[in-house]
Structures are given as C-alpha cells and as structure tokens.
Amino acid sequence: MIQPHDGSTKDPLSRLVFELSKLPGIGEKTATRLAYHILKQEASFAEGIAQALLLAKKSTILCNICCNFTETDPCRICADRDRDRSVVCVVERPNDQHSIELSGKFKGLYHVLHGALAPLDGIGPDELKLRELMKRLQNEQTPIEEIILATNPSVEGEATALYISRLLKPFGVRISQLAYGIPMGGQLEFTDRQTIGKAMENRMEIR
C-alpha cells in the first residue's frame, strides 16, 4: 500500500504519485492509477514521456504578439497573413483558443490572458497579459476594430470581461462578448465545437 506522500519521501512510487497529483484535475487516486500504468510499461515508455516533457518545456515559448505557447515567434496564427487582423478574440487560456479554432467559425487573431481575475487567489490585473493587449491596440499596423471577450462564463470570467471592457473604452474599439450558448459555470475547453461556433456567430456588443 502506498503511504501518504509529502514529496520528501524516498519511495520512488510515492514520489511519482505525488508529482503526478500536482497536475490539474488529477487527484491522488487518478495519480496512483497513472503511476501503476507507467510502471507496468517498458522503460522506453517512461523515457519517452520524460523526454517529451523536457523538450516541450525547453522548446516552447510565448508568442510576443498573442502570448500563446508556440515553438516559433510569432506563432502560426499571428504569422498567417490570411487571418482578419482587425478582430482580436481574448481568451483566458491556450486551451480556450484551441477550442474556438476547432469550431471553424473564427478567422481573426487571438490574445491569451493566461488566467482570469481572482483576487482571493492573488490573481489581479498584473498577473494577466493585459499590458500586452494594450500594447497591441497601440502598435498594430492594421488597426484593431473589434475585441471579442471570450472569457469563460464564470464569476471570474465575467469579472475579467467587465474589467477589460472598461479598460478598452478609451480606445474606441467595438467590444463584443460571446453569446450565451455556453452554459454559466462551463468551460470553453469542454464545450462542443458547434456550441462554440454558434456563440461566436451570435456574439453581443458590450455597451
């Protein structure tokens, strides 16, 4: 039986479970199941995972335009001259951008905040990529005409959208928000592409 672990144990299995349980959405039971699965495989399986993790960490950077993870700077989407550069969709996380791309309904650019306002968790405006968004509005060669606030329909997401809308008012750009085809409390990451597509098509202007 695996003993309770605090990260200081010398037992390799307990240490593995402890490290896996740090991943979001992975509790101790799931971490234990993953650990046993890894141990049952050939050594090359674990080596492949370790090498992929290290390579991703070493090779991945933030795009200097949209702040998404990328191997090249600027990222593939920001470098695509066929995208509509007058429209920028603001999302909380890279997963959200990926989900919107899968909907096939948006052909503009993105901006990734890397979080949402959550004062109780110590996440304020300075912890988000807001300065970078302001810089884009001031420096983009093609004027940005519309900002779509695609934050998650949660208390934190709504607070973030409201804060950004007030921040952007002086710039005179159109500010819109995804229509509520997405349920309150839901996450874009887990929303089907058809729902996201409809929400994008029926987005509403924030006044």
N, C-alpha and C. Protein backbone atom coordinates (compact mmCIF):
# COMPACT_ATOMS: atom_id res chain seq x y z
N MET A 1 0.84 -1.20 0.00
CA MET A 1 0.00 0.00 0.00
C MET A 1 0.87 1.25 0.00
N ILE A 2 0.50 2.21 -0.84
CA ILE A 2 1.28 3.45 -0.93
C ILE A 2 1.01 4.29 0.31
N GLN A 3 2.08 4.73 0.94
CA GLN A 3 1.96 5.57 2.13
C GLN A 3 1.64 7.00 1.72
N PRO A 4 1.00 7.77 2.60
CA PRO A 4 0.77 9.19 2.30
C PRO A 4 2.08 9.86 1.95
N HIS A 5 2.05 10.73 0.95
CA HIS A 5 3.29 11.33 0.48
C HIS A 5 3.27 12.83 0.61
N ASP A 6 4.41 13.39 0.93
CA ASP A 6 4.53 14.84 1.06
C ASP A 6 5.63 15.38 0.16
N GLY A 7 6.13 14.51 -0.73
CA GLY A 7 7.17 14.96 -1.64
C GLY A 7 8.56 14.74 -1.09
N SER A 8 8.69 14.52 0.20
CA SER A 8 10.01 14.32 0.81
C SER A 8 10.36 12.85 0.95
N THR A 9 9.39 11.96 0.69
CA THR A 9 9.63 10.54 0.83
C THR A 9 10.66 10.06 -0.18
N LYS A 10 11.41 9.02 0.18
CA LYS A 10 12.41 8.46 -0.71
C LYS A 10 11.84 7.32 -1.55
N ASP A 11 10.61 6.89 -1.25
CA ASP A 11 9.97 5.83 -2.00
C ASP A 11 9.66 6.32 -3.41
N PRO A 12 10.24 5.72 -4.47
CA PRO A 12 10.05 6.22 -5.84
C PRO A 12 8.59 6.23 -6.29
N LEU A 13 7.83 5.19 -5.92
CA LEU A 13 6.44 5.13 -6.34
C LEU A 13 5.62 6.25 -5.70
N SER A 14 5.82 6.47 -4.42
CA SER A 14 5.11 7.54 -3.73
C SER A 14 5.49 8.90 -4.30
N ARG A 15 6.75 9.05 -4.62
CA ARG A 15 7.22 10.30 -5.22
C ARG A 15 6.55 10.53 -6.57
N LEU A 16 6.43 9.45 -7.37
CA LEU A 16 5.80 9.56 -8.67
C LEU A 16 4.33 9.97 -8.53
N VAL A 17 3.63 9.34 -7.61
CA VAL A 17 2.23 9.68 -7.36
C VAL A 17 2.10 11.13 -6.91
N PHE A 18 2.99 11.54 -6.04
CA PHE A 18 2.98 12.92 -5.53
C PHE A 18 3.14 13.92 -6.66
N GLU A 19 4.09 13.67 -7.56
CA GLU A 19 4.35 14.60 -8.66
C GLU A 19 3.18 14.61 -9.66
N LEU A 20 2.62 13.44 -9.96
CA LEU A 20 1.50 13.38 -10.90
C LEU A 20 0.27 14.08 -10.35
N SER A 21 0.09 14.01 -9.04
CA SER A 21 -1.10 14.62 -8.42
C SER A 21 -1.05 16.15 -8.45
N LYS A 22 0.08 16.73 -8.82
CA LYS A 22 0.19 18.18 -8.95
C LYS A 22 -0.48 18.68 -10.22
N LEU A 23 -0.75 17.78 -11.16
CA LEU A 23 -1.38 18.18 -12.42
C LEU A 23 -2.83 18.56 -12.18
N PRO A 24 -3.36 19.57 -12.88
CA PRO A 24 -4.75 19.98 -12.68
C PRO A 24 -5.72 18.86 -13.04
N GLY A 25 -6.69 18.66 -12.18
CA GLY A 25 -7.71 17.64 -12.44
C GLY A 25 -7.27 16.22 -12.08
N ILE A 26 -6.07 16.09 -11.55
CA ILE A 26 -5.55 14.76 -11.20
C ILE A 26 -5.50 14.64 -9.68
N GLY A 27 -6.39 13.84 -9.12
CA GLY A 27 -6.38 13.59 -7.68
C GLY A 27 -5.45 12.45 -7.34
N GLU A 28 -5.39 12.11 -6.08
CA GLU A 28 -4.46 11.07 -5.65
C GLU A 28 -4.80 9.70 -6.24
N LYS A 29 -6.10 9.39 -6.34
CA LYS A 29 -6.48 8.08 -6.88
C LYS A 29 -6.09 7.97 -8.35
N THR A 30 -6.37 9.03 -9.12
CA THR A 30 -6.00 9.01 -10.54
C THR A 30 -4.50 8.99 -10.70
N ALA A 31 -3.78 9.75 -9.87
CA ALA A 31 -2.32 9.77 -9.93
C ALA A 31 -1.75 8.38 -9.63
N THR A 32 -2.36 7.71 -8.67
CA THR A 32 -1.90 6.35 -8.33
C THR A 32 -2.12 5.40 -9.49
N ARG A 33 -3.29 5.50 -10.13
CA ARG A 33 -3.59 4.63 -11.27
C ARG A 33 -2.63 4.90 -12.43
N LEU A 34 -2.32 6.17 -12.68
CA LEU A 34 -1.37 6.52 -13.74
C LEU A 34 0.03 6.00 -13.42
N ALA A 35 0.40 6.11 -12.15
CA ALA A 35 1.73 5.65 -11.73
C ALA A 35 1.88 4.15 -11.96
N TYR A 36 0.87 3.38 -11.58
CA TYR A 36 0.93 1.93 -11.78
C TYR A 36 0.96 1.59 -13.28
N HIS A 37 0.22 2.35 -14.07
CA HIS A 37 0.21 2.10 -15.52
C HIS A 37 1.60 2.33 -16.10
N ILE A 38 2.24 3.42 -15.70
CA ILE A 38 3.58 3.73 -16.19
C ILE A 38 4.57 2.64 -15.80
N LEU A 39 4.47 2.17 -14.57
CA LEU A 39 5.40 1.16 -14.08
C LEU A 39 5.23 -0.18 -14.80
N LYS A 40 4.04 -0.44 -15.31
CA LYS A 40 3.80 -1.71 -16.00
C LYS A 40 4.37 -1.73 -17.42
N GLN A 41 4.69 -0.54 -17.94
CA GLN A 41 5.21 -0.44 -19.31
C GLN A 41 6.72 -0.67 -19.34
N GLU A 42 7.22 -0.78 -20.58
CA GLU A 42 8.66 -0.88 -20.78
C GLU A 42 9.32 0.44 -20.36
N ALA A 43 10.61 0.38 -20.04
CA ALA A 43 11.34 1.57 -19.61
C ALA A 43 11.29 2.66 -20.68
N SER A 44 11.23 2.24 -21.96
CA SER A 44 11.20 3.21 -23.06
C SER A 44 9.95 4.09 -23.01
N PHE A 45 8.86 3.55 -22.44
CA PHE A 45 7.62 4.32 -22.32
C PHE A 45 7.82 5.51 -21.39
N ALA A 46 8.40 5.27 -20.22
CA ALA A 46 8.66 6.34 -19.26
C ALA A 46 9.69 7.32 -19.81
N GLU A 47 10.70 6.78 -20.52
CA GLU A 47 11.72 7.65 -21.09
C GLU A 47 11.12 8.57 -22.15
N GLY A 48 10.18 8.04 -22.93
CA GLY A 48 9.53 8.85 -23.95
C GLY A 48 8.74 10.00 -23.35
N ILE A 49 8.01 9.71 -22.26
CA ILE A 49 7.24 10.75 -21.58
C ILE A 49 8.17 11.82 -21.02
N ALA A 50 9.24 11.36 -20.36
CA ALA A 50 10.19 12.30 -19.76
C ALA A 50 10.84 13.19 -20.81
N GLN A 51 11.24 12.59 -21.93
CA GLN A 51 11.89 13.36 -22.99
C GLN A 51 10.92 14.36 -23.63
N ALA A 52 9.66 13.93 -23.82
CA ALA A 52 8.66 14.82 -24.40
C ALA A 52 8.39 16.01 -23.49
N LEU A 53 8.33 15.76 -22.18
CA LEU A 53 8.11 16.84 -21.22
C LEU A 53 9.26 17.84 -21.25
N LEU A 54 10.47 17.34 -21.22
CA LEU A 54 11.64 18.22 -21.21
C LEU A 54 11.76 19.00 -22.51
N LEU A 55 11.48 18.33 -23.64
CA LEU A 55 11.58 19.01 -24.94
C LEU A 55 10.53 20.10 -25.05
N ALA A 56 9.30 19.81 -24.62
CA ALA A 56 8.23 20.80 -24.68
C ALA A 56 8.56 22.01 -23.81
N LYS A 57 9.10 21.72 -22.62
CA LYS A 57 9.44 22.82 -21.71
C LYS A 57 10.58 23.66 -22.26
N LYS A 58 11.54 23.00 -22.91
CA LYS A 58 12.71 23.69 -23.43
C LYS A 58 12.41 24.46 -24.71
N SER A 59 11.54 23.91 -25.56
CA SER A 59 11.33 24.47 -26.89
C SER A 59 10.15 25.42 -26.99
N THR A 60 9.26 25.41 -26.01
CA THR A 60 8.05 26.21 -26.09
C THR A 60 8.24 27.58 -25.44
N ILE A 61 7.84 28.62 -26.15
CA ILE A 61 7.94 29.99 -25.66
C ILE A 61 6.58 30.66 -25.81
N LEU A 62 6.48 31.90 -25.37
CA LEU A 62 5.26 32.67 -25.57
C LEU A 62 5.39 33.53 -26.82
N CYS A 63 4.36 33.50 -27.65
CA CYS A 63 4.33 34.37 -28.82
C CYS A 63 4.37 35.82 -28.35
N ASN A 64 5.22 36.64 -28.95
CA ASN A 64 5.35 38.03 -28.49
C ASN A 64 4.16 38.89 -28.89
N ILE A 65 3.23 38.32 -29.70
CA ILE A 65 2.05 39.07 -30.10
C ILE A 65 0.83 38.64 -29.30
N CYS A 66 0.48 37.35 -29.35
CA CYS A 66 -0.76 36.89 -28.71
C CYS A 66 -0.55 36.23 -27.35
N CYS A 67 0.70 35.96 -27.00
CA CYS A 67 1.05 35.35 -25.70
C CYS A 67 0.64 33.89 -25.59
N ASN A 68 0.35 33.23 -26.71
CA ASN A 68 0.06 31.80 -26.66
C ASN A 68 1.38 31.03 -26.70
N PHE A 69 1.33 29.76 -26.28
CA PHE A 69 2.51 28.91 -26.36
C PHE A 69 2.81 28.59 -27.82
N THR A 70 4.09 28.61 -28.16
CA THR A 70 4.48 28.35 -29.55
C THR A 70 5.93 27.90 -29.61
N GLU A 71 6.30 27.27 -30.72
CA GLU A 71 7.70 26.91 -30.96
C GLU A 71 8.39 27.96 -31.81
N THR A 72 7.58 28.76 -32.53
CA THR A 72 8.12 29.81 -33.37
C THR A 72 7.52 31.14 -32.94
N ASP A 73 8.26 32.22 -33.15
CA ASP A 73 7.79 33.53 -32.74
C ASP A 73 7.86 34.49 -33.94
N PRO A 74 6.73 35.00 -34.42
CA PRO A 74 5.38 34.83 -33.88
C PRO A 74 4.82 33.44 -34.17
N CYS A 75 3.71 33.13 -33.52
CA CYS A 75 3.10 31.81 -33.68
C CYS A 75 2.47 31.67 -35.08
N ARG A 76 2.04 30.47 -35.38
CA ARG A 76 1.48 30.17 -36.71
C ARG A 76 0.29 31.07 -37.04
N ILE A 77 -0.61 31.28 -36.10
CA ILE A 77 -1.81 32.08 -36.37
C ILE A 77 -1.46 33.55 -36.55
N CYS A 78 -0.62 34.09 -35.68
CA CYS A 78 -0.24 35.51 -35.80
C CYS A 78 0.54 35.78 -37.08
N ALA A 79 1.25 34.76 -37.58
CA ALA A 79 2.05 34.94 -38.79
C ALA A 79 1.23 34.74 -40.06
N ASP A 80 0.02 34.23 -39.93
CA ASP A 80 -0.84 33.94 -41.09
C ASP A 80 -1.45 35.24 -41.62
N ARG A 81 -1.02 35.68 -42.78
CA ARG A 81 -1.50 36.95 -43.35
C ARG A 81 -2.93 36.85 -43.86
N ASP A 82 -3.49 35.66 -43.92
CA ASP A 82 -4.87 35.50 -44.38
C ASP A 82 -5.88 35.68 -43.24
N ARG A 83 -5.41 35.76 -42.00
CA ARG A 83 -6.32 35.98 -40.89
C ARG A 83 -6.78 37.44 -40.88
N ASP A 84 -7.99 37.65 -40.35
CA ASP A 84 -8.54 39.01 -40.22
C ASP A 84 -7.86 39.69 -39.04
N ARG A 85 -6.96 40.61 -39.33
CA ARG A 85 -6.16 41.25 -38.29
C ARG A 85 -6.88 42.40 -37.59
N SER A 86 -8.10 42.70 -38.03
CA SER A 86 -8.85 43.78 -37.41
C SER A 86 -9.70 43.30 -36.23
N VAL A 87 -9.74 41.98 -36.03
CA VAL A 87 -10.54 41.40 -34.95
C VAL A 87 -9.65 40.54 -34.07
N VAL A 88 -9.69 40.77 -32.75
CA VAL A 88 -8.89 40.00 -31.80
C VAL A 88 -9.82 39.38 -30.76
N CYS A 89 -9.71 38.09 -30.60
CA CYS A 89 -10.51 37.35 -29.62
C CYS A 89 -9.67 37.11 -28.37
N VAL A 90 -10.13 37.60 -27.23
CA VAL A 90 -9.40 37.49 -25.97
C VAL A 90 -9.92 36.28 -25.20
N VAL A 91 -9.01 35.36 -24.88
CA VAL A 91 -9.38 34.15 -24.15
C VAL A 91 -8.55 34.04 -22.87
N GLU A 92 -9.02 33.21 -21.94
CA GLU A 92 -8.31 33.05 -20.68
C GLU A 92 -7.07 32.18 -20.83
N ARG A 93 -7.21 31.06 -21.55
CA ARG A 93 -6.13 30.07 -21.59
C ARG A 93 -5.90 29.55 -23.00
N PRO A 94 -4.72 28.99 -23.28
CA PRO A 94 -4.46 28.40 -24.60
C PRO A 94 -5.48 27.33 -24.98
N ASN A 95 -5.98 26.57 -24.01
CA ASN A 95 -6.98 25.54 -24.30
C ASN A 95 -8.22 26.17 -24.93
N ASP A 96 -8.59 27.37 -24.46
CA ASP A 96 -9.78 28.05 -24.96
C ASP A 96 -9.59 28.47 -26.42
N GLN A 97 -8.40 28.95 -26.75
CA GLN A 97 -8.11 29.31 -28.13
C GLN A 97 -8.23 28.09 -29.03
N HIS A 98 -7.70 26.97 -28.57
CA HIS A 98 -7.75 25.74 -29.35
C HIS A 98 -9.20 25.33 -29.61
N SER A 99 -10.05 25.45 -28.59
CA SER A 99 -11.45 25.07 -28.73
C SER A 99 -12.16 25.96 -29.74
N ILE A 100 -11.88 27.26 -29.73
CA ILE A 100 -12.50 28.17 -30.69
C ILE A 100 -12.02 27.87 -32.10
N GLU A 101 -10.74 27.56 -32.26
CA GLU A 101 -10.21 27.20 -33.57
C GLU A 101 -10.91 25.97 -34.13
N LEU A 102 -11.21 25.00 -33.28
CA LEU A 102 -11.88 23.78 -33.72
C LEU A 102 -13.29 24.06 -34.24
N SER A 103 -13.91 25.15 -33.75
CA SER A 103 -15.26 25.48 -34.21
C SER A 103 -15.27 25.90 -35.68
N GLY A 104 -14.13 26.40 -36.17
CA GLY A 104 -14.02 26.81 -37.56
C GLY A 104 -14.79 28.07 -37.90
N LYS A 105 -15.26 28.81 -36.89
CA LYS A 105 -16.10 29.97 -37.13
C LYS A 105 -15.38 31.30 -36.94
N PHE A 106 -14.12 31.25 -36.56
CA PHE A 106 -13.40 32.49 -36.30
C PHE A 106 -12.11 32.53 -37.10
N LYS A 107 -11.90 33.61 -37.83
CA LYS A 107 -10.72 33.73 -38.68
C LYS A 107 -9.88 34.95 -38.34
N GLY A 108 -10.08 35.50 -37.14
CA GLY A 108 -9.28 36.64 -36.72
C GLY A 108 -8.06 36.19 -35.93
N LEU A 109 -7.56 37.08 -35.09
CA LEU A 109 -6.40 36.78 -34.24
C LEU A 109 -6.85 36.57 -32.80
N TYR A 110 -5.92 36.19 -31.95
CA TYR A 110 -6.24 35.89 -30.55
C TYR A 110 -5.33 36.69 -29.61
N HIS A 111 -5.75 36.71 -28.34
CA HIS A 111 -4.89 37.19 -27.27
C HIS A 111 -5.18 36.33 -26.04
N VAL A 112 -4.14 35.71 -25.50
CA VAL A 112 -4.30 34.79 -24.37
C VAL A 112 -3.89 35.49 -23.08
N LEU A 113 -4.82 35.55 -22.13
CA LEU A 113 -4.57 36.23 -20.86
C LEU A 113 -3.77 35.39 -19.87
N HIS A 114 -3.85 34.08 -20.00
CA HIS A 114 -3.22 33.15 -19.05
C HIS A 114 -3.84 33.27 -17.66
N GLY A 115 -5.18 33.30 -17.64
CA GLY A 115 -5.87 33.32 -16.35
C GLY A 115 -7.05 34.28 -16.37
N ALA A 116 -7.69 34.40 -15.22
CA ALA A 116 -8.81 35.32 -15.04
C ALA A 116 -8.67 35.99 -13.68
N LEU A 117 -9.27 37.13 -13.53
CA LEU A 117 -9.19 37.85 -12.25
C LEU A 117 -9.78 37.01 -11.12
N ALA A 118 -9.00 36.81 -10.08
CA ALA A 118 -9.45 36.04 -8.91
C ALA A 118 -8.70 36.59 -7.70
N PRO A 119 -9.15 37.71 -7.16
CA PRO A 119 -8.46 38.38 -6.05
C PRO A 119 -8.19 37.47 -4.85
N LEU A 120 -9.13 36.58 -4.55
CA LEU A 120 -8.95 35.70 -3.40
C LEU A 120 -7.79 34.73 -3.61
N ASP A 121 -7.46 34.47 -4.87
CA ASP A 121 -6.33 33.58 -5.19
C ASP A 121 -5.08 34.37 -5.52
N GLY A 122 -5.13 35.68 -5.31
CA GLY A 122 -3.97 36.52 -5.57
C GLY A 122 -3.74 36.82 -7.04
N ILE A 123 -4.78 36.66 -7.88
CA ILE A 123 -4.63 36.94 -9.31
C ILE A 123 -5.33 38.25 -9.64
N GLY A 124 -4.52 39.28 -9.83
CA GLY A 124 -5.04 40.59 -10.19
C GLY A 124 -4.67 40.94 -11.61
N PRO A 125 -4.95 42.16 -12.06
CA PRO A 125 -4.64 42.57 -13.43
C PRO A 125 -3.18 42.39 -13.82
N ASP A 126 -2.27 42.60 -12.87
CA ASP A 126 -0.85 42.50 -13.18
C ASP A 126 -0.41 41.07 -13.48
N GLU A 127 -1.21 40.09 -13.06
CA GLU A 127 -0.87 38.69 -13.30
C GLU A 127 -1.37 38.21 -14.66
N LEU A 128 -2.18 39.02 -15.34
CA LEU A 128 -2.70 38.67 -16.65
C LEU A 128 -1.94 39.42 -17.74
N LYS A 129 -2.07 38.95 -18.99
CA LYS A 129 -1.36 39.57 -20.11
C LYS A 129 -2.16 40.76 -20.66
N LEU A 130 -2.46 41.71 -19.76
CA LEU A 130 -3.25 42.87 -20.15
C LEU A 130 -2.38 43.99 -20.74
N ARG A 131 -1.19 44.15 -20.20
CA ARG A 131 -0.29 45.17 -20.76
C ARG A 131 0.01 44.87 -22.22
N GLU A 132 0.18 43.58 -22.50
CA GLU A 132 0.48 43.16 -23.87
C GLU A 132 -0.70 43.45 -24.80
N LEU A 133 -1.92 43.30 -24.28
CA LEU A 133 -3.11 43.61 -25.07
C LEU A 133 -3.18 45.11 -25.37
N MET A 134 -2.91 45.94 -24.37
CA MET A 134 -2.90 47.39 -24.57
C MET A 134 -1.85 47.80 -25.60
N LYS A 135 -0.72 47.14 -25.53
CA LYS A 135 0.37 47.44 -26.46
C LYS A 135 -0.05 47.12 -27.89
N ARG A 136 -0.80 46.02 -28.06
CA ARG A 136 -1.26 45.64 -29.40
C ARG A 136 -2.20 46.70 -29.97
N LEU A 137 -3.07 47.22 -29.14
CA LEU A 137 -4.02 48.22 -29.60
C LEU A 137 -3.31 49.49 -30.07
N GLN A 138 -2.18 49.76 -29.46
CA GLN A 138 -1.45 50.98 -29.78
C GLN A 138 -0.49 50.80 -30.95
N ASN A 139 0.02 49.56 -31.14
CA ASN A 139 1.11 49.35 -32.08
C ASN A 139 0.78 48.52 -33.32
N GLU A 140 -0.39 47.89 -33.38
CA GLU A 140 -0.72 47.05 -34.53
C GLU A 140 -0.71 47.87 -35.81
N GLN A 141 -0.05 47.33 -36.86
CA GLN A 141 -0.01 48.03 -38.15
C GLN A 141 -1.40 48.12 -38.76
N THR A 142 -2.18 47.03 -38.64
CA THR A 142 -3.58 47.05 -39.08
C THR A 142 -4.43 47.40 -37.87
N PRO A 143 -5.17 48.50 -37.89
CA PRO A 143 -5.96 48.91 -36.73
C PRO A 143 -6.93 47.82 -36.28
N ILE A 144 -6.99 47.60 -34.98
CA ILE A 144 -7.93 46.63 -34.42
C ILE A 144 -9.28 47.32 -34.28
N GLU A 145 -10.31 46.76 -34.92
CA GLU A 145 -11.64 47.36 -34.91
C GLU A 145 -12.57 46.71 -33.90
N GLU A 146 -12.30 45.45 -33.56
CA GLU A 146 -13.18 44.75 -32.62
C GLU A 146 -12.38 43.84 -31.69
N ILE A 147 -12.75 43.87 -30.43
CA ILE A 147 -12.21 42.95 -29.44
C ILE A 147 -13.35 42.05 -28.98
N ILE A 148 -13.19 40.75 -29.14
CA ILE A 148 -14.19 39.78 -28.68
C ILE A 148 -13.72 39.23 -27.34
N LEU A 149 -14.50 39.43 -26.31
CA LEU A 149 -14.15 38.92 -24.98
C LEU A 149 -14.74 37.52 -24.84
N ALA A 150 -13.88 36.51 -24.98
CA ALA A 150 -14.31 35.11 -24.92
C ALA A 150 -13.84 34.47 -23.62
N THR A 151 -14.01 35.21 -22.52
CA THR A 151 -13.69 34.63 -21.22
C THR A 151 -14.75 33.60 -20.85
N ASN A 152 -14.43 32.71 -19.93
CA ASN A 152 -15.37 31.66 -19.56
C ASN A 152 -16.58 32.24 -18.82
N PRO A 153 -17.76 31.63 -19.01
CA PRO A 153 -18.97 32.11 -18.33
C PRO A 153 -19.00 31.71 -16.86
N SER A 154 -18.08 32.27 -16.09
CA SER A 154 -17.98 32.01 -14.66
C SER A 154 -17.88 33.36 -13.96
N VAL A 155 -17.92 33.35 -12.63
CA VAL A 155 -17.81 34.61 -11.89
C VAL A 155 -16.50 35.31 -12.24
N GLU A 156 -15.40 34.54 -12.26
CA GLU A 156 -14.10 35.12 -12.57
C GLU A 156 -14.04 35.61 -14.02
N GLY A 157 -14.59 34.80 -14.92
CA GLY A 157 -14.57 35.17 -16.33
C GLY A 157 -15.38 36.43 -16.61
N GLU A 158 -16.55 36.52 -15.98
CA GLU A 158 -17.39 37.70 -16.17
C GLU A 158 -16.73 38.96 -15.59
N ALA A 159 -16.10 38.80 -14.42
CA ALA A 159 -15.41 39.94 -13.80
C ALA A 159 -14.25 40.39 -14.69
N THR A 160 -13.56 39.45 -15.30
CA THR A 160 -12.44 39.77 -16.18
C THR A 160 -12.93 40.50 -17.42
N ALA A 161 -14.03 40.01 -18.00
CA ALA A 161 -14.59 40.65 -19.20
C ALA A 161 -15.02 42.08 -18.90
N LEU A 162 -15.67 42.28 -17.76
CA LEU A 162 -16.12 43.62 -17.38
C LEU A 162 -14.93 44.56 -17.18
N TYR A 163 -13.89 44.06 -16.52
CA TYR A 163 -12.69 44.87 -16.26
C TYR A 163 -12.04 45.27 -17.59
N ILE A 164 -11.91 44.32 -18.50
CA ILE A 164 -11.26 44.60 -19.79
C ILE A 164 -12.10 45.58 -20.62
N SER A 165 -13.43 45.39 -20.60
CA SER A 165 -14.29 46.28 -21.38
C SER A 165 -14.15 47.73 -20.93
N ARG A 166 -14.02 47.93 -19.63
CA ARG A 166 -13.83 49.29 -19.11
C ARG A 166 -12.44 49.81 -19.47
N LEU A 167 -11.47 48.91 -19.48
CA LEU A 167 -10.10 49.28 -19.81
C LEU A 167 -9.99 49.71 -21.27
N LEU A 168 -10.80 49.09 -22.13
CA LEU A 168 -10.69 49.34 -23.56
C LEU A 168 -11.55 50.48 -24.08
N LYS A 169 -12.49 50.96 -23.28
CA LYS A 169 -13.40 52.00 -23.72
C LYS A 169 -12.69 53.20 -24.35
N PRO A 170 -11.60 53.71 -23.74
CA PRO A 170 -10.94 54.89 -24.32
C PRO A 170 -10.37 54.66 -25.71
N PHE A 171 -10.17 53.40 -26.11
CA PHE A 171 -9.58 53.12 -27.42
C PHE A 171 -10.60 53.23 -28.55
N GLY A 172 -11.88 53.25 -28.21
CA GLY A 172 -12.91 53.41 -29.22
C GLY A 172 -13.14 52.21 -30.11
N VAL A 173 -12.67 51.04 -29.71
CA VAL A 173 -12.90 49.84 -30.50
C VAL A 173 -14.24 49.20 -30.11
N ARG A 174 -14.81 48.44 -31.03
CA ARG A 174 -16.03 47.70 -30.73
C ARG A 174 -15.68 46.56 -29.78
N ILE A 175 -16.44 46.40 -28.72
CA ILE A 175 -16.19 45.34 -27.75
C ILE A 175 -17.40 44.42 -27.72
N SER A 176 -17.20 43.16 -28.02
CA SER A 176 -18.29 42.20 -28.02
C SER A 176 -17.96 41.03 -27.11
N GLN A 177 -18.97 40.21 -26.85
CA GLN A 177 -18.82 39.07 -25.96
C GLN A 177 -19.56 37.89 -26.55
N LEU A 178 -19.05 36.68 -26.31
CA LEU A 178 -19.71 35.50 -26.85
C LEU A 178 -21.15 35.42 -26.37
N ALA A 179 -22.04 35.00 -27.26
CA ALA A 179 -23.43 34.80 -26.89
C ALA A 179 -23.52 33.63 -25.91
N TYR A 180 -24.60 33.61 -25.14
CA TYR A 180 -24.70 32.60 -24.10
C TYR A 180 -25.28 31.29 -24.58
N GLY A 181 -24.63 30.74 -25.61
CA GLY A 181 -24.90 29.36 -25.96
C GLY A 181 -24.07 28.48 -25.03
N ILE A 182 -23.10 29.11 -24.39
CA ILE A 182 -22.22 28.41 -23.46
C ILE A 182 -22.81 28.53 -22.07
N PRO A 183 -23.02 27.43 -21.36
CA PRO A 183 -23.68 27.49 -20.05
C PRO A 183 -22.86 28.21 -19.00
N MET A 184 -23.55 28.91 -18.11
CA MET A 184 -22.87 29.56 -16.99
C MET A 184 -22.16 28.51 -16.15
N GLY A 185 -20.95 28.80 -15.75
CA GLY A 185 -20.17 27.86 -14.96
C GLY A 185 -19.42 26.86 -15.81
N GLY A 186 -19.66 26.90 -17.14
CA GLY A 186 -18.99 25.95 -18.02
C GLY A 186 -17.59 26.41 -18.39
N GLN A 187 -16.87 25.57 -19.13
CA GLN A 187 -15.53 25.87 -19.57
C GLN A 187 -15.47 25.69 -21.08
N LEU A 188 -14.85 26.65 -21.78
CA LEU A 188 -14.72 26.54 -23.23
C LEU A 188 -14.02 25.24 -23.62
N GLU A 189 -13.04 24.86 -22.81
CA GLU A 189 -12.24 23.68 -23.10
C GLU A 189 -13.11 22.43 -23.26
N PHE A 190 -14.23 22.37 -22.51
CA PHE A 190 -15.07 21.18 -22.51
C PHE A 190 -16.39 21.40 -23.25
N THR A 191 -16.50 22.50 -24.00
CA THR A 191 -17.72 22.79 -24.75
C THR A 191 -17.56 22.31 -26.18
N ASP A 192 -18.62 21.69 -26.74
CA ASP A 192 -18.52 21.15 -28.09
C ASP A 192 -18.37 22.28 -29.12
N ARG A 193 -17.77 21.94 -30.25
CA ARG A 193 -17.41 22.95 -31.24
C ARG A 193 -18.63 23.63 -31.87
N GLN A 194 -19.75 22.92 -31.99
CA GLN A 194 -20.95 23.53 -32.55
C GLN A 194 -21.48 24.64 -31.65
N THR A 195 -21.49 24.39 -30.33
CA THR A 195 -21.95 25.40 -29.38
C THR A 195 -21.04 26.62 -29.40
N ILE A 196 -19.73 26.38 -29.44
CA ILE A 196 -18.78 27.49 -29.50
C ILE A 196 -18.96 28.27 -30.79
N GLY A 197 -19.19 27.56 -31.90
CA GLY A 197 -19.38 28.23 -33.18
C GLY A 197 -20.59 29.13 -33.17
N LYS A 198 -21.71 28.67 -32.60
CA LYS A 198 -22.92 29.47 -32.52
C LYS A 198 -22.71 30.68 -31.60
N ALA A 199 -22.01 30.46 -30.50
CA ALA A 199 -21.74 31.56 -29.57
C ALA A 199 -20.88 32.62 -30.25
N MET A 200 -19.94 32.19 -31.08
CA MET A 200 -19.09 33.13 -31.79
C MET A 200 -19.90 33.92 -32.81
N GLU A 201 -20.78 33.23 -33.57
CA GLU A 201 -21.58 33.89 -34.59
C GLU A 201 -22.56 34.89 -33.97
N ASN A 202 -23.08 34.59 -32.79
CA ASN A 202 -24.11 35.42 -32.17
C ASN A 202 -23.56 36.28 -31.04
N ARG A 203 -22.28 36.60 -31.10
CA ARG A 203 -21.67 37.40 -30.05
C ARG A 203 -22.38 38.75 -29.94
N MET A 204 -22.34 39.32 -28.75
CA MET A 204 -23.06 40.55 -28.46
C MET A 204 -22.09 41.69 -28.16
N GLU A 205 -22.43 42.88 -28.58
CA GLU A 205 -21.60 44.04 -28.27
C GLU A 205 -21.83 44.47 -26.84
N ILE A 206 -20.76 44.82 -26.16
CA ILE A 206 -20.84 45.29 -24.78
C ILE A 206 -20.90 46.82 -24.80
N ARG A 207 -21.91 47.37 -24.21
CA ARG A 207 -22.09 48.83 -24.22
C ARG A 207 -21.87 49.41 -22.83
